[in-house]
């Protein structure tokens, strides 16, 4: 079996085998983590979380300028 990085995705996926929950983690910001019962669900939640944080940062930068 060949192991390695075969994806250029902006996120990583892991599986908690005890709880059967997938976790999606941002590669650039590892503190951003979302979970779901499917990979798609976890990635979708992470996308929303990332967009929310990015828009919040953008709004706060606009107000300080």
PDB file of N, CA and C in Angstrom:
ATOM      1  N   UNK A   1       0.841  -1.168   0.000  1.00  0.00           N
ATOM      2  CA  UNK A   1       0.000   0.000   0.000  1.00  0.00           C
ATOM      3  C   UNK A   1       0.890   1.236   0.000  1.00  0.00           C
ATOM      4  N   UNK A   2       0.501   2.242  -0.740  1.00  0.00           N
ATOM      5  CA  UNK A   2       1.267   3.474  -0.857  1.00  0.00           C
ATOM      6  C   UNK A   2       0.598   4.567  -0.031  1.00  0.00           C
ATOM      7  N   UNK A   3       1.376   5.181   0.851  1.00  0.00           N
ATOM      8  CA  UNK A   3       0.868   6.263   1.686  1.00  0.00           C
ATOM      9  C   UNK A   3       1.492   7.567   1.229  1.00  0.00           C
ATOM     10  N   UNK A   4       0.769   8.639   1.404  1.00  0.00           N
ATOM     11  CA  UNK A   4       1.313   9.940   1.050  1.00  0.00           C
ATOM     12  C   UNK A   4       0.216  10.967   0.921  1.00  0.00           C
ATOM     13  N   UNK A   5       0.612  12.151   0.527  1.00  0.00           N
ATOM     14  CA  UNK A   5      -0.340  13.233   0.336  1.00  0.00           C
ATOM     15  C   UNK A   5      -0.779  13.238  -1.118  1.00  0.00           C
ATOM     16  N   UNK A   6      -1.997  12.816  -1.371  1.00  0.00           N
ATOM     17  CA  UNK A   6      -2.507  12.711  -2.734  1.00  0.00           C
ATOM     18  C   UNK A   6      -3.541  13.782  -3.048  1.00  0.00           C
ATOM     19  N   UNK A   7      -3.655  14.749  -2.191  1.00  0.00           N
ATOM     20  CA  UNK A   7      -4.681  15.765  -2.376  1.00  0.00           C
ATOM     21  C   UNK A   7      -4.089  17.151  -2.125  1.00  0.00           C
ATOM     22  N   UNK A   8      -4.550  18.097  -2.877  1.00  0.00           N
ATOM     23  CA  UNK A   8      -4.149  19.485  -2.662  1.00  0.00           C
ATOM     24  C   UNK A   8      -5.261  20.259  -1.970  1.00  0.00           C
ATOM     25  N   UNK A   9      -6.125  19.562  -1.260  1.00  0.00           N
ATOM     26  CA  UNK A   9      -7.247  20.191  -0.568  1.00  0.00           C
ATOM     27  C   UNK A   9      -6.745  21.138   0.514  1.00  0.00           C
ATOM     28  N   UNK A  10      -7.596  22.061   0.895  1.00  0.00           N
ATOM     29  CA  UNK A  10      -7.268  23.046   1.925  1.00  0.00           C
ATOM     30  C   UNK A  10      -7.609  22.525   3.320  1.00  0.00           C
ATOM     31  N   UNK A  11      -8.074  21.267   3.406  1.00  0.00           N
ATOM     32  CA  UNK A  11      -8.472  20.695   4.685  1.00  0.00           C
ATOM     33  C   UNK A  11      -7.922  19.281   4.834  1.00  0.00           C
ATOM     34  N   UNK A  12      -7.957  18.796   6.074  1.00  0.00           N
ATOM     35  CA  UNK A  12      -7.595  17.408   6.377  1.00  0.00           C
ATOM     36  C   UNK A  12      -8.824  16.728   6.970  1.00  0.00           C
ATOM     37  N   UNK A  13      -8.910  15.426   6.765  1.00  0.00           N
ATOM     38  CA  UNK A  13     -10.023  14.648   7.306  1.00  0.00           C
ATOM     39  C   UNK A  13      -9.480  13.582   8.252  1.00  0.00           C
ATOM     40  N   UNK A  14     -10.152  13.406   9.376  1.00  0.00           N
ATOM     41  CA  UNK A  14      -9.836  12.310  10.283  1.00  0.00           C
ATOM     42  C   UNK A  14     -11.147  11.689  10.759  1.00  0.00           C
ATOM     43  N   UNK A  15     -11.052  10.455  11.247  1.00  0.00           N
ATOM     44  CA  UNK A  15     -12.235   9.728  11.711  1.00  0.00           C
ATOM     45  C   UNK A  15     -12.021   9.274  13.134  1.00  0.00           C
ATOM     46  N   UNK A  16     -12.968   9.624  14.001  1.00  0.00           N
ATOM     47  CA  UNK A  16     -12.988   9.094  15.361  1.00  0.00           C
ATOM     48  C   UNK A  16     -13.731   7.761  15.279  1.00  0.00           C
ATOM     49  N   UNK A  17     -12.993   6.661  15.375  1.00  0.00           N
ATOM     50  CA  UNK A  17     -13.598   5.340  15.169  1.00  0.00           C
ATOM     51  C   UNK A  17     -14.494   4.911  16.332  1.00  0.00           C
ATOM     52  N   UNK A  18     -14.293   5.477  17.504  1.00  0.00           N
ATOM     53  CA  UNK A  18     -15.145   5.119  18.636  1.00  0.00           C
ATOM     54  C   UNK A  18     -16.520   5.762  18.502  1.00  0.00           C
ATOM     55  N   UNK A  19     -16.545   7.039  18.084  1.00  0.00           N
ATOM     56  CA  UNK A  19     -17.809   7.764  17.969  1.00  0.00           C
ATOM     57  C   UNK A  19     -18.357   7.766  16.541  1.00  0.00           C
ATOM     58  N   UNK A  20     -17.550   7.286  15.577  1.00  0.00           N
ATOM     59  CA  UNK A  20     -17.930   7.277  14.163  1.00  0.00           C
ATOM     60  C   UNK A  20     -18.296   8.682  13.675  1.00  0.00           C
ATOM     61  N   UNK A  21     -17.394   9.635  13.947  1.00  0.00           N
ATOM     62  CA  UNK A  21     -17.577  11.022  13.536  1.00  0.00           C
ATOM     63  C   UNK A  21     -16.345  11.457  12.756  1.00  0.00           C
ATOM     64  N   UNK A  22     -16.575  12.127  11.623  1.00  0.00           N
ATOM     65  CA  UNK A  22     -15.487  12.674  10.828  1.00  0.00           C
ATOM     66  C   UNK A  22     -15.157  14.083  11.307  1.00  0.00           C
ATOM     67  N   UNK A  23     -13.872  14.415  11.264  1.00  0.00           N
ATOM     68  CA  UNK A  23     -13.414  15.756  11.606  1.00  0.00           C
ATOM     69  C   UNK A  23     -12.687  16.348  10.402  1.00  0.00           C
ATOM     70  N   UNK A  24     -13.044  17.573  10.057  1.00  0.00           N
ATOM     71  CA  UNK A  24     -12.360  18.314   9.003  1.00  0.00           C
ATOM     72  C   UNK A  24     -11.595  19.439   9.687  1.00  0.00           C
ATOM     73  N   UNK A  25     -10.317  19.570   9.330  1.00  0.00           N
ATOM     74  CA  UNK A  25      -9.445  20.581   9.933  1.00  0.00           C
ATOM     75  C   UNK A  25      -8.806  21.409   8.840  1.00  0.00           C
ATOM     76  N   UNK A  26      -8.792  22.706   9.011  1.00  0.00           N
ATOM     77  CA  UNK A  26      -8.153  23.605   8.055  1.00  0.00           C
ATOM     78  C   UNK A  26      -6.642  23.402   8.109  1.00  0.00           C
ATOM     79  N   UNK A  27      -5.988  23.293   6.944  1.00  0.00           N
ATOM     80  CA  UNK A  27      -4.531  23.143   6.916  1.00  0.00           C
ATOM     81  C   UNK A  27      -3.832  24.435   7.320  1.00  0.00           C
ATOM     82  N   UNK A  28      -4.377  25.582   6.917  1.00  0.00           N
ATOM     83  CA  UNK A  28      -3.749  26.864   7.251  1.00  0.00           C
ATOM     84  C   UNK A  28      -3.991  27.274   8.694  1.00  0.00           C
ATOM     85  N   UNK A  29      -5.153  26.917   9.229  1.00  0.00           N
ATOM     86  CA  UNK A  29      -5.517  27.299  10.593  1.00  0.00           C
ATOM     87  C   UNK A  29      -6.002  26.055  11.336  1.00  0.00           C
ATOM     88  N   UNK A  30      -5.078  25.260  11.883  1.00  0.00           N
ATOM     89  CA  UNK A  30      -5.447  23.987  12.523  1.00  0.00           C
ATOM     90  C   UNK A  30      -6.411  24.123  13.694  1.00  0.00           C
ATOM     91  N   UNK A  31      -6.585  25.326  14.213  1.00  0.00           N
ATOM     92  CA  UNK A  31      -7.531  25.515  15.317  1.00  0.00           C
ATOM     93  C   UNK A  31      -8.975  25.486  14.829  1.00  0.00           C
ATOM     94  N   UNK A  32      -9.183  25.580  13.520  1.00  0.00           N
ATOM     95  CA  UNK A  32     -10.528  25.510  12.937  1.00  0.00           C
ATOM     96  C   UNK A  32     -10.857  24.052  12.643  1.00  0.00           C
ATOM     97  N   UNK A  33     -11.806  23.515  13.402  1.00  0.00           N
ATOM     98  CA  UNK A  33     -12.191  22.108  13.284  1.00  0.00           C
ATOM     99  C   UNK A  33     -13.711  22.024  13.240  1.00  0.00           C
ATOM    100  N   UNK A  34     -14.220  21.163  12.369  1.00  0.00           N
ATOM    101  CA  UNK A  34     -15.662  20.915  12.305  1.00  0.00           C
ATOM    102  C   UNK A  34     -15.879  19.405  12.234  1.00  0.00           C
ATOM    103  N   UNK A  35     -17.004  18.950  12.746  1.00  0.00           N
ATOM    104  CA  UNK A  35     -17.296  17.518  12.747  1.00  0.00           C
ATOM    105  C   UNK A  35     -18.622  17.240  12.061  1.00  0.00           C
ATOM    106  N   UNK A  36     -18.772  15.995  11.609  1.00  0.00           N
ATOM    107  CA  UNK A  36     -20.015  15.583  10.976  1.00  0.00           C
ATOM    108  C   UNK A  36     -20.074  14.077  10.847  1.00  0.00           C
ATOM    109  N   UNK A  37     -21.264  13.562  10.556  1.00  0.00           N
ATOM    110  CA  UNK A  37     -21.413  12.119  10.424  1.00  0.00           C
ATOM    111  C   UNK A  37     -20.932  11.614   9.061  1.00  0.00           C
ATOM    112  N   UNK A  38     -20.743  12.536   8.120  1.00  0.00           N
ATOM    113  CA  UNK A  38     -20.142  12.192   6.826  1.00  0.00           C
ATOM    114  C   UNK A  38     -18.993  13.172   6.568  1.00  0.00           C
ATOM    115  N   UNK A  39     -18.122  12.802   5.646  1.00  0.00           N
ATOM    116  CA  UNK A  39     -17.031  13.702   5.270  1.00  0.00           C
ATOM    117  C   UNK A  39     -17.608  14.986   4.698  1.00  0.00           C
ATOM    118  N   UNK A  40     -18.593  14.861   3.823  1.00  0.00           N
ATOM    119  CA  UNK A  40     -19.204  16.049   3.217  1.00  0.00           C
ATOM    120  C   UNK A  40     -19.786  16.985   4.267  1.00  0.00           C
ATOM    121  N   UNK A  41     -20.429  16.427   5.267  1.00  0.00           N
ATOM    122  CA  UNK A  41     -21.024  17.224   6.333  1.00  0.00           C
ATOM    123  C   UNK A  41     -19.940  17.983   7.109  1.00  0.00           C
ATOM    124  N   UNK A  42     -18.857  17.311   7.449  1.00  0.00           N
ATOM    125  CA  UNK A  42     -17.768  17.954   8.188  1.00  0.00           C
ATOM    126  C   UNK A  42     -17.117  19.060   7.358  1.00  0.00           C
ATOM    127  N   UNK A  43     -16.884  18.795   6.068  1.00  0.00           N
ATOM    128  CA  UNK A  43     -16.262  19.797   5.201  1.00  0.00           C
ATOM    129  C   UNK A  43     -17.193  20.982   5.004  1.00  0.00           C
ATOM    130  N   UNK A  44     -18.478  20.728   4.833  1.00  0.00           N
ATOM    131  CA  UNK A  44     -19.454  21.818   4.664  1.00  0.00           C
ATOM    132  C   UNK A  44     -19.463  22.715   5.904  1.00  0.00           C
ATOM    133  N   UNK A  45     -19.465  22.118   7.087  1.00  0.00           N
ATOM    134  CA  UNK A  45     -19.458  22.905   8.325  1.00  0.00           C
ATOM    135  C   UNK A  45     -18.157  23.698   8.463  1.00  0.00           C
ATOM    136  N   UNK A  46     -17.038  23.092   8.082  1.00  0.00           N
ATOM    137  CA  UNK A  46     -15.761  23.797   8.146  1.00  0.00           C
ATOM    138  C   UNK A  46     -15.745  24.959   7.167  1.00  0.00           C
ATOM    139  N   UNK A  47     -16.310  24.777   5.988  1.00  0.00           N
ATOM    140  CA  UNK A  47     -16.378  25.843   4.994  1.00  0.00           C
ATOM    141  C   UNK A  47     -17.169  27.023   5.533  1.00  0.00           C
ATOM    142  N   UNK A  48     -18.325  26.752   6.130  1.00  0.00           N
ATOM    143  CA  UNK A  48     -19.158  27.818   6.699  1.00  0.00           C
ATOM    144  C   UNK A  48     -18.408  28.516   7.823  1.00  0.00           C
ATOM    145  N   UNK A  49     -17.763  27.747   8.679  1.00  0.00           N
ATOM    146  CA  UNK A  49     -17.011  28.309   9.800  1.00  0.00           C
ATOM    147  C   UNK A  49     -15.875  29.192   9.282  1.00  0.00           C
ATOM    148  N   UNK A  50     -15.150  28.732   8.279  1.00  0.00           N
ATOM    149  CA  UNK A  50     -14.032  29.481   7.715  1.00  0.00           C
ATOM    150  C   UNK A  50     -14.515  30.762   7.059  1.00  0.00           C
ATOM    151  N   UNK A  51     -15.618  30.685   6.312  1.00  0.00           N
ATOM    152  CA  UNK A  51     -16.165  31.879   5.661  1.00  0.00           C
ATOM    153  C   UNK A  51     -16.629  32.886   6.690  1.00  0.00           C
ATOM    154  N   UNK A  52     -17.237  32.406   7.768  1.00  0.00           N
ATOM    155  CA  UNK A  52     -17.714  33.286   8.832  1.00  0.00           C
ATOM    156  C   UNK A  52     -16.539  34.006   9.491  1.00  0.00           C
ATOM    157  N   UNK A  53     -15.485  33.279   9.787  1.00  0.00           N
ATOM    158  CA  UNK A  53     -14.312  33.874  10.426  1.00  0.00           C
ATOM    159  C   UNK A  53     -13.646  34.873   9.485  1.00  0.00           C
ATOM    160  N   UNK A  54     -13.517  34.511   8.196  1.00  0.00           N
ATOM    161  CA  UNK A  54     -12.905  35.415   7.224  1.00  0.00           C
ATOM    162  C   UNK A  54     -13.722  36.689   7.062  1.00  0.00           C
ATOM    163  N   UNK A  55     -15.045  36.569   7.026  1.00  0.00           N
ATOM    164  CA  UNK A  55     -15.880  37.763   6.877  1.00  0.00           C
ATOM    165  C   UNK A  55     -15.816  38.621   8.133  1.00  0.00           C
ATOM    166  N   UNK A  56     -15.722  37.983   9.295  1.00  0.00           N
ATOM    167  CA  UNK A  56     -15.605  38.731  10.540  1.00  0.00           C
ATOM    168  C   UNK A  56     -14.285  39.500  10.571  1.00  0.00           C
ATOM    169  N   UNK A  57     -13.193  38.844  10.161  1.00  0.00           N
ATOM    170  CA  UNK A  57     -11.894  39.523  10.112  1.00  0.00           C
ATOM    171  C   UNK A  57     -11.931  40.673   9.126  1.00  0.00           C
ATOM    172  N   UNK A  58     -12.570  40.478   7.998  1.00  0.00           N
ATOM    173  CA  UNK A  58     -12.680  41.536   7.001  1.00  0.00           C
ATOM    174  C   UNK A  58     -13.471  42.714   7.516  1.00  0.00           C
ATOM    175  N   UNK A  59     -14.562  42.451   8.216  1.00  0.00           N
ATOM    176  CA  UNK A  59     -15.375  43.527   8.781  1.00  0.00           C
ATOM    177  C   UNK A  59     -14.626  44.294   9.850  1.00  0.00           C
ATOM    178  N   UNK A  60     -13.881  43.595  10.705  1.00  0.00           N
ATOM    179  CA  UNK A  60     -13.162  44.291  11.767  1.00  0.00           C
ATOM    180  C   UNK A  60     -12.010  45.105  11.189  1.00  0.00           C
ATOM    181  N   UNK A  61     -11.403  44.650  10.120  1.00  0.00           N
ATOM    182  CA  UNK A  61     -10.339  45.423   9.481  1.00  0.00           C
ATOM    183  C   UNK A  61     -10.907  46.676   8.822  1.00  0.00           C
ATOM    184  N   UNK A  62     -12.092  46.554   8.218  1.00  0.00           N
ATOM    185  CA  UNK A  62     -12.720  47.707   7.589  1.00  0.00           C
ATOM    186  C   UNK A  62     -13.041  48.783   8.612  1.00  0.00           C
ATOM    187  N   UNK A  63     -13.453  48.381   9.811  1.00  0.00           N
ATOM    188  CA  UNK A  63     -13.858  49.345  10.825  1.00  0.00           C
ATOM    189  C   UNK A  63     -12.661  50.064  11.428  1.00  0.00           C
ATOM    190  N   UNK A  64     -11.484  49.420  11.443  1.00  0.00           N
ATOM    191  CA  UNK A  64     -10.323  50.054  12.049  1.00  0.00           C
ATOM    192  C   UNK A  64      -9.591  50.972  11.080  1.00  0.00           C
ATOM    193  N   UNK A  65      -9.896  50.846   9.791  1.00  0.00           N
ATOM    194  CA  UNK A  65      -9.181  51.656   8.791  1.00  0.00           C
ATOM    195  C   UNK A  65      -9.671  53.075   8.753  1.00  0.00           C
TER     196      UNK A  65
END
